[in-house]
Amino acid sequence: MDTLMFVRIAAVVLGISLLFIVIGLATDHWLEYSQGRYSIYSGLWQMCPGDTCITMPSIVITSELKATRAMVILSMLCSIVATVVCILWAIGLSFTEGKTIRMVPIATAFAGAAFGLVGIVIYATQEYGDTLELAWSFFLTIVGSLGCGAAGGLLVPALSQTAA
């Protein structure tokens, strides 16, 4: 397969992964509790008892939640850098000719995956009891983080075929 094809596929995967991470970060369905008609769900920024959502009170913002927020935000920022540089590489801009600049999307894609997965692990290892369940925003962030890692893996062969 052509080197540029790997880069283009990686750019698409990074774009989709970035979208998933942003949606996961912004939405409020990381954790859910539902019994009959009554439901509570929460994300990283707000909680929603019933049909109304409120900003999380400081009393429920734990250090684990702050760490999760930080890791997922770092994952998003790394994904933005990886996506932009990968797109520039895919369209063939001249400043992306050297091996050093082509390391940027690879390194930031892997860093984005690592930061996202660390944030996921921090959030998932908290004690929630048997009644609360991890929800779709949480899982969307996992998929986005894994996508960043996959895109970084797609870019490695393209780098090895690049002249110095």
Protein backbone atom coordinates (compact mmCIF):
# COMPACT_ATOMS: atom_id res chain seq x y z
CA MET A 1 0.00 0.00 0.00
CA ASP A 2 1.18 3.51 -0.80
CA THR A 3 2.71 5.50 2.07
CA LEU A 4 0.36 8.41 1.48
CA MET A 5 -2.61 6.05 1.77
CA PHE A 6 -1.57 5.15 5.35
CA VAL A 7 -1.35 8.86 6.16
CA ARG A 8 -4.78 9.60 4.69
CA ILE A 9 -6.40 6.70 6.53
CA ALA A 10 -4.70 7.81 9.75
CA ALA A 11 -5.98 11.37 9.22
CA VAL A 12 -9.55 10.10 8.90
CA VAL A 13 -9.19 7.83 11.94
CA LEU A 14 -7.71 10.72 13.95
CA GLY A 15 -10.53 13.04 12.93
CA ILE A 16 -13.18 10.53 13.97
CA SER A 17 -11.31 9.75 17.20
CA LEU A 18 -11.07 13.45 18.01
CA LEU A 19 -14.80 13.83 17.44
CA PHE A 20 -15.51 10.91 19.79
CA ILE A 21 -13.22 12.32 22.50
CA VAL A 22 -14.80 15.78 22.27
CA ILE A 23 -18.32 14.33 22.44
CA GLY A 24 -17.36 12.07 25.34
CA LEU A 25 -15.76 14.95 27.20
CA ALA A 26 -18.69 17.31 26.71
CA THR A 27 -21.65 15.01 27.29
CA ASP A 28 -23.11 13.97 30.61
CA HIS A 29 -23.59 10.22 30.32
CA TRP A 30 -20.46 8.82 31.92
CA LEU A 31 -22.41 7.29 34.78
CA GLU A 32 -26.09 6.29 34.97
CA TYR A 33 -28.54 5.08 37.55
CA SER A 34 -32.02 4.10 36.48
CA GLN A 35 -34.89 2.52 38.34
CA GLY A 36 -38.29 2.58 36.74
CA ARG A 37 -39.11 6.13 35.64
CA TYR A 38 -36.47 7.68 37.88
CA SER A 39 -32.98 8.18 36.47
CA ILE A 40 -29.81 10.06 37.34
CA TYR A 41 -26.86 10.47 35.06
CA SER A 42 -23.67 12.47 35.23
CA GLY A 43 -20.65 13.38 33.18
CA LEU A 44 -17.39 15.06 33.98
CA TRP A 45 -18.94 18.53 34.35
CA GLN A 46 -22.58 18.18 35.40
CA MET A 47 -25.07 15.81 36.92
CA CYS A 48 -28.66 15.36 35.89
CA PRO A 49 -31.19 14.15 38.46
CA GLY A 50 -34.30 13.60 36.39
CA ASP A 51 -34.80 16.00 33.49
CA THR A 52 -32.74 18.94 34.77
CA CYS A 53 -28.98 19.21 34.77
CA ILE A 54 -26.85 21.14 37.23
CA THR A 55 -23.17 21.93 37.43
CA MET A 56 -21.51 19.51 39.79
CA PRO A 57 -21.32 20.92 43.30
CA SER A 58 -17.77 21.17 44.62
CA ILE A 59 -18.56 18.61 47.31
CA VAL A 60 -18.85 15.82 44.69
CA ILE A 61 -15.78 16.84 42.67
CA THR A 62 -13.16 14.38 43.85
CA SER A 63 -9.48 14.38 43.02
CA GLU A 64 -10.13 11.36 40.80
CA LEU A 65 -12.71 13.33 38.82
CA LYS A 66 -10.27 16.23 38.45
CA ALA A 67 -7.57 13.82 37.26
CA THR A 68 -9.98 12.25 34.77
CA ARG A 69 -10.92 15.67 33.44
CA ALA A 70 -7.26 16.63 33.06
CA MET A 71 -6.32 13.40 31.28
CA VAL A 72 -9.21 13.54 28.82
CA ILE A 73 -8.53 17.22 28.06
CA LEU A 74 -4.85 16.39 27.42
CA SER A 75 -6.00 13.53 25.20
CA MET A 76 -8.19 15.94 23.23
CA LEU A 77 -5.37 18.48 22.83
CA CYS A 78 -2.92 15.80 21.65
CA SER A 79 -5.55 14.52 19.22
CA ILE A 80 -6.05 18.01 17.80
CA VAL A 81 -2.30 18.41 17.15
CA ALA A 82 -2.04 14.91 15.66
CA THR A 83 -5.04 15.47 13.40
CA VAL A 84 -3.89 18.85 12.10
CA VAL A 85 -0.31 17.78 11.37
CA CYS A 86 -1.49 14.50 9.83
CA ILE A 87 -3.88 16.37 7.51
CA LEU A 88 -1.07 18.72 6.49
CA TRP A 89 1.14 15.69 5.80
CA ALA A 90 -1.65 14.01 3.81
CA ILE A 91 -2.16 17.03 1.54
CA GLY A 92 1.58 17.23 0.96
CA LEU A 93 2.61 20.61 2.35
CA SER A 94 6.35 21.10 1.90
CA PHE A 95 7.18 21.75 5.57
CA THR A 96 6.07 18.19 6.36
CA GLU A 97 8.88 16.64 4.30
CA GLY A 98 11.36 15.95 7.14
CA LYS A 99 11.25 12.95 9.44
CA THR A 100 11.24 15.15 12.53
CA ILE A 101 7.97 16.93 11.72
CA ARG A 102 6.42 13.60 10.71
CA MET A 103 7.14 12.29 14.20
CA VAL A 104 4.74 14.88 15.64
CA PRO A 105 1.44 13.21 14.64
CA ILE A 106 2.77 9.79 15.65
CA ALA A 107 3.95 10.96 19.08
CA THR A 108 0.86 13.06 19.78
CA ALA A 109 -1.50 10.30 18.61
CA PHE A 110 0.12 7.81 20.98
CA ALA A 111 0.17 10.44 23.76
CA GLY A 112 -3.51 11.19 23.14
CA ALA A 113 -4.31 7.50 23.41
CA ALA A 114 -2.28 7.16 26.60
CA PHE A 115 -3.78 10.22 28.29
CA GLY A 116 -7.31 9.16 27.35
CA LEU A 117 -6.87 5.62 28.58
CA VAL A 118 -5.29 6.77 31.86
CA GLY A 119 -8.28 9.06 32.40
CA ILE A 120 -10.64 6.18 31.64
CA VAL A 121 -8.85 3.89 34.11
CA ILE A 122 -8.92 6.56 36.83
CA TYR A 123 -12.66 7.05 36.34
CA ALA A 124 -13.50 3.36 36.04
CA THR A 125 -11.63 2.31 39.20
CA GLN A 126 -13.64 4.56 41.50
CA GLU A 127 -16.11 2.83 43.79
CA TYR A 128 -19.66 3.41 42.53
CA GLY A 129 -21.58 0.58 44.14
CA ASP A 130 -23.74 -1.95 42.37
CA THR A 131 -26.51 0.39 41.25
CA LEU A 132 -24.50 2.77 39.04
CA GLU A 133 -23.39 1.83 35.54
CA LEU A 134 -20.81 3.32 33.22
CA ALA A 135 -22.60 4.81 30.21
CA TRP A 136 -22.14 5.75 26.56
CA SER A 137 -20.03 8.94 26.98
CA PHE A 138 -17.49 6.89 28.91
CA PHE A 139 -17.37 4.22 26.20
CA LEU A 140 -17.23 6.78 23.39
CA THR A 141 -14.12 8.25 25.02
CA ILE A 142 -12.57 4.77 25.13
CA VAL A 143 -13.21 4.28 21.42
CA GLY A 144 -11.74 7.71 20.65
CA SER A 145 -8.62 7.00 22.69
CA LEU A 146 -8.12 3.60 21.07
CA GLY A 147 -8.60 5.22 17.67
CA CYS A 148 -5.75 7.62 18.41
CA GLY A 149 -3.50 4.69 19.18
CA ALA A 150 -4.56 2.90 16.01
CA ALA A 151 -3.87 6.01 13.92
CA GLY A 152 -0.43 6.33 15.48
CA GLY A 153 0.18 2.71 14.53
CA LEU A 154 -0.89 3.42 10.95
CA LEU A 155 1.59 6.30 10.72
CA VAL A 156 4.64 4.29 11.84
CA PRO A 157 5.06 2.44 8.51
CA ALA A 158 4.64 5.73 6.65
CA LEU A 159 7.45 7.24 8.70
CA SER A 160 9.77 4.31 8.07
CA GLN A 161 9.29 4.74 4.30
CA THR A 162 10.08 8.46 4.46
CA ALA A 163 13.47 9.67 3.33
CA ALA A 164 15.41 11.66 5.94
